[in-house]
């Protein structure tokens, strides 16, 4: 999975999409910045909605375009192209009650499939970009994905790279997330 910032504008009946850059949600980036803006909640749930994402990323595209964060579900995949829009990010940050040090944050991404194509043959990067450069978003089913970020000592990065990145959902986070699906 890769996160990309797209800018888009209406062109005839389709919408022209252009990749601006990759987006780093983890680390000291988008999610961390929004956590700071929301008052650094600890041992409770908090949310980043699509408006928060736009506010955070608008400077990367300028005022002339609308930003949209899309996930390329399988960036190296050659037989299928699936783009998912991030609708909301729900987080529950666990911290030490005594020191306030953040230990970890399970995350639930609420996503909506906006583009999906099975391809008859392998597609190189240029042809893939051409395919997704102009289309009408096909708002399809919503899906959720659970991930987690490590705490302050690990720099708010995703769970271990190359390992299964499953988030065990303790009771506090489970009750918070349950209300959204």
Protein backbone atom coordinates (compact mmCIF):
# COMPACT_ATOMS: atom_id res chain seq x y z
CA UNK A 1 0.00 0.00 0.00
CA UNK A 2 1.26 3.44 -0.88
CA UNK A 3 -0.26 6.79 0.09
CA UNK A 4 -0.30 9.53 -2.56
CA UNK A 5 -1.52 13.09 -2.70
CA UNK A 6 -3.42 13.82 -5.90
CA UNK A 7 -4.66 17.12 -7.19
CA UNK A 8 -7.77 17.01 -9.31
CA UNK A 9 -9.99 19.20 -11.38
CA UNK A 10 -13.07 18.65 -13.54
CA UNK A 11 -12.25 18.21 -17.23
CA UNK A 12 -15.21 17.42 -19.51
CA UNK A 13 -17.11 14.47 -18.02
CA UNK A 14 -14.06 13.07 -16.25
CA UNK A 15 -11.87 14.42 -13.51
CA UNK A 16 -8.20 14.93 -14.28
CA UNK A 17 -5.97 13.48 -11.56
CA UNK A 18 -2.29 14.12 -11.12
CA UNK A 19 -0.01 12.66 -8.49
CA UNK A 20 1.65 15.47 -6.56
CA UNK A 21 3.77 13.42 -4.19
CA UNK A 22 3.81 10.54 -1.78
CA UNK A 23 2.25 11.24 1.60
CA UNK A 24 3.77 10.18 4.90
CA UNK A 25 0.98 9.61 7.36
CA UNK A 26 3.22 8.08 10.04
CA UNK A 27 6.37 9.48 11.64
CA UNK A 28 6.35 13.14 12.58
CA UNK A 29 4.01 13.93 9.70
CA UNK A 30 0.27 14.11 8.98
CA UNK A 31 -1.16 11.97 11.81
CA UNK A 32 1.28 13.31 14.39
CA UNK A 33 0.63 16.93 13.30
CA UNK A 34 -3.12 16.45 13.63
CA UNK A 35 -2.68 14.78 17.03
CA UNK A 36 -0.79 17.90 18.19
CA UNK A 37 -3.51 20.22 16.80
CA UNK A 38 -6.18 18.19 18.62
CA UNK A 39 -4.45 18.79 21.95
CA UNK A 40 -2.38 15.58 22.13
CA UNK A 41 -5.16 13.30 23.42
CA UNK A 42 -3.90 10.36 25.47
CA UNK A 43 -5.77 7.21 26.46
CA UNK A 44 -8.73 8.23 24.34
CA UNK A 45 -9.94 8.17 20.76
CA UNK A 46 -9.64 10.97 18.26
CA UNK A 47 -10.37 11.48 14.56
CA UNK A 48 -8.87 12.98 11.43
CA UNK A 49 -11.57 13.56 8.81
CA UNK A 50 -11.11 14.32 5.13
CA UNK A 51 -11.30 18.08 5.82
CA UNK A 52 -8.40 17.75 8.28
CA UNK A 53 -6.40 15.94 5.61
CA UNK A 54 -7.16 18.68 3.07
CA UNK A 55 -6.13 21.39 5.54
CA UNK A 56 -2.89 19.58 6.30
CA UNK A 57 -1.97 18.94 2.67
CA UNK A 58 -3.39 21.97 0.81
CA UNK A 59 -0.02 23.80 0.85
CA UNK A 60 1.47 20.97 -1.24
CA UNK A 61 -0.94 21.60 -4.15
CA UNK A 62 -1.75 25.29 -3.80
CA UNK A 63 -5.18 26.87 -3.77
CA UNK A 64 -5.93 26.20 -7.43
CA UNK A 65 -6.50 22.47 -6.96
CA UNK A 66 -8.40 20.18 -4.65
CA UNK A 67 -6.15 17.70 -2.85
CA UNK A 68 -7.23 14.11 -2.30
CA UNK A 69 -5.30 11.38 -0.52
CA UNK A 70 -5.58 8.09 -2.36
CA UNK A 71 -4.09 4.76 -1.51
CA UNK A 72 -2.69 2.68 -4.32
CA UNK A 73 -3.61 -0.66 -2.82
CA UNK A 74 -0.93 -2.56 -4.71
CA UNK A 75 1.55 -0.11 -6.26
CA UNK A 76 3.68 -2.86 -7.78
CA UNK A 77 0.71 -4.92 -8.94
CA UNK A 78 0.53 -5.38 -12.66
CA UNK A 79 -2.82 -7.10 -13.19
CA UNK A 80 -5.10 -4.89 -11.10
CA UNK A 81 -5.36 -1.23 -10.19
CA UNK A 82 -7.30 -0.25 -7.05
CA UNK A 83 -7.41 3.27 -5.62
CA UNK A 84 -8.97 3.92 -2.22
CA UNK A 85 -9.81 7.35 -0.84
CA UNK A 86 -9.17 8.02 2.83
CA UNK A 87 -12.47 9.22 4.28
CA UNK A 88 -11.51 9.21 7.97
CA UNK A 89 -8.69 8.15 10.23
CA UNK A 90 -9.74 7.07 13.71
CA UNK A 91 -7.01 6.71 16.29
CA UNK A 92 -6.74 5.72 19.93
CA UNK A 93 -3.50 6.81 21.57
CA UNK A 94 -2.27 4.80 24.54
CA UNK A 95 0.09 6.50 26.98
CA UNK A 96 1.59 5.93 30.42
CA UNK A 97 -0.81 7.34 33.01
CA UNK A 98 2.10 8.55 35.17
CA UNK A 99 4.45 10.13 32.63
CA UNK A 100 2.15 10.72 29.65
CA UNK A 101 4.65 9.03 27.32
CA UNK A 102 2.84 7.73 24.24
CA UNK A 103 3.29 3.97 23.83
CA UNK A 104 1.36 3.24 20.66
CA UNK A 105 -1.67 4.23 18.59
CA UNK A 106 -3.97 1.73 16.86
CA UNK A 107 -5.53 3.28 13.77
CA UNK A 108 -8.67 2.50 11.82
CA UNK A 109 -8.77 3.87 8.28
CA UNK A 110 -12.23 4.30 6.75
CA UNK A 111 -11.67 3.99 3.03
CA UNK A 112 -13.81 4.13 -0.07
CA UNK A 113 -12.92 2.46 -3.31
CA UNK A 114 -12.94 5.10 -6.06
CA UNK A 115 -11.28 3.21 -8.89
CA UNK A 116 -10.75 -0.43 -9.69
CA UNK A 117 -9.75 -2.22 -12.84
CA UNK A 118 -8.72 -5.77 -13.56
CA UNK A 119 -6.25 -5.62 -16.39
CA UNK A 120 -5.93 -8.18 -19.15
CA UNK A 121 -2.15 -7.92 -19.11
CA UNK A 122 0.72 -6.49 -17.10
CA UNK A 123 0.90 -2.70 -16.97
CA UNK A 124 4.10 -0.69 -16.65
CA UNK A 125 4.27 2.44 -14.47
CA UNK A 126 3.74 4.92 -17.34
CA UNK A 127 0.63 3.14 -18.63
CA UNK A 128 -0.71 2.81 -15.11
CA UNK A 129 -0.35 6.58 -14.58
CA UNK A 130 -2.06 7.22 -17.92
CA UNK A 131 -4.94 4.95 -16.92
CA UNK A 132 -5.57 6.76 -13.64
CA UNK A 133 -4.84 10.30 -14.86
CA UNK A 134 -8.43 10.99 -15.92
CA UNK A 135 -11.46 9.12 -14.66
CA UNK A 136 -14.79 9.59 -12.99
CA UNK A 137 -14.51 8.37 -9.39
CA UNK A 138 -16.66 5.29 -8.98
CA UNK A 139 -17.60 5.56 -5.34
CA UNK A 140 -18.00 1.95 -4.39
CA UNK A 141 -18.00 0.01 -1.16
CA UNK A 142 -16.44 1.35 2.00
CA UNK A 143 -13.83 -0.75 3.75
CA UNK A 144 -11.89 -0.36 6.97
CA UNK A 145 -8.29 -1.22 7.66
CA UNK A 146 -6.52 -1.46 10.99
CA UNK A 147 -2.88 -0.47 11.39
CA UNK A 148 -0.85 0.86 14.26
CA UNK A 149 1.89 3.36 14.93
CA UNK A 150 4.57 2.92 17.52
CA UNK A 151 4.98 5.48 20.31
CA UNK A 152 7.27 8.39 21.04
CA UNK A 153 10.42 6.32 21.58
CA UNK A 154 9.98 4.87 18.08
CA UNK A 155 9.12 8.18 16.40
CA UNK A 156 5.44 7.52 15.62
CA UNK A 157 6.35 5.12 12.80
CA UNK A 158 4.20 2.27 11.52
CA UNK A 159 4.53 -1.14 13.12
CA UNK A 160 7.60 -3.12 12.17
CA UNK A 161 8.30 -3.02 8.44
CA UNK A 162 8.43 -6.44 6.83
CA UNK A 163 6.47 -8.00 9.66
CA UNK A 164 2.76 -8.58 9.99
CA UNK A 165 1.42 -5.18 11.00
CA UNK A 166 -1.70 -6.34 12.83
CA UNK A 167 -3.09 -4.14 15.53
CA UNK A 168 -4.35 -5.89 18.66
CA UNK A 169 -7.35 -3.84 19.70
CA UNK A 170 -7.69 -3.54 23.51
CA UNK A 171 -11.06 -2.72 25.10
CA UNK A 172 -10.76 1.10 25.15
CA UNK A 173 -9.86 1.31 21.47
CA UNK A 174 -12.39 -1.40 20.56
CA UNK A 175 -15.25 0.56 22.17
CA UNK A 176 -14.12 3.76 20.42
CA UNK A 177 -13.84 2.15 16.96
CA UNK A 178 -17.09 0.14 17.30
CA UNK A 179 -19.21 3.26 16.92
CA UNK A 180 -17.92 3.81 13.36
CA UNK A 181 -18.85 0.46 11.83
